Amino acid sequence: MSGTYRLLMHLPDPEPGLYGRPEYGIRLANTGLWDPATGLHDLGGMVTVR
């Protein structure tokens, strides 16, 4: 779908019982990227699809 999108990365725990639990996801060492509610890392970039 065309539009502009934020660049996010999802690194969940691969264990099926923990996959959907953000608190068990892999967190990058950089501060301010990880959202504890979703488990997503905001990479601070945008991508435009035409």
Protein backbone atom coordinates (compact mmCIF):
# COMPACT_ATOMS: atom_id res chain seq x y z
CA MET A 1 0.00 0.00 0.00
CA SER A 2 1.41 3.40 -0.89
CA GLY A 3 2.11 5.92 1.84
CA THR A 4 4.73 6.94 4.39
CA TYR A 5 5.49 4.57 7.25
CA ARG A 6 7.57 4.69 10.43
CA LEU A 7 10.46 2.24 10.56
CA LEU A 8 9.84 -0.18 13.45
CA MET A 9 11.49 -3.47 14.37
CA HIS A 10 9.94 -6.38 16.28
CA LEU A 11 12.25 -8.85 18.03
CA PRO A 12 9.98 -11.19 20.01
CA ASP A 13 11.16 -14.14 22.07
CA PRO A 14 10.97 -17.16 19.72
CA GLU A 15 9.47 -19.40 22.42
CA PRO A 16 5.77 -19.86 21.44
CA GLY A 17 4.55 -19.22 25.00
CA LEU A 18 6.47 -15.93 25.23
CA TYR A 19 6.19 -14.68 21.63
CA GLY A 20 3.21 -12.41 22.28
CA ARG A 21 4.57 -10.97 25.55
CA PRO A 22 6.53 -7.73 24.89
CA GLU A 23 8.32 -7.86 28.26
CA TYR A 24 10.21 -10.95 27.06
CA GLY A 25 11.23 -9.53 23.68
CA ILE A 26 14.80 -8.69 22.75
CA ARG A 27 15.67 -5.08 23.59
CA LEU A 28 18.40 -3.09 21.89
CA ALA A 29 20.98 -1.34 24.07
CA ASN A 30 20.09 2.09 22.65
CA THR A 31 17.90 4.13 25.00
CA GLY A 32 14.56 5.52 23.92
CA LEU A 33 13.88 3.06 21.09
CA TRP A 34 11.92 0.29 22.78
CA ASP A 35 8.21 0.66 23.59
CA PRO A 36 7.39 -1.61 26.56
CA ALA A 37 3.67 -1.70 25.70
CA THR A 38 4.17 -3.11 22.19
CA GLY A 39 7.70 -4.53 22.27
CA LEU A 40 8.54 -2.57 19.11
CA HIS A 41 11.75 -0.61 18.52
CA ASP A 42 11.24 2.77 16.81
CA LEU A 43 14.28 3.14 14.55
CA GLY A 44 13.55 6.83 13.95
CA GLY A 45 13.25 6.55 10.18
CA MET A 46 10.48 6.82 7.64
CA VAL A 47 9.90 4.81 4.47
CA THR A 48 7.81 6.09 1.54
CA VAL A 49 6.13 3.54 -0.72
CA ARG A 50 4.72 4.77 -4.03
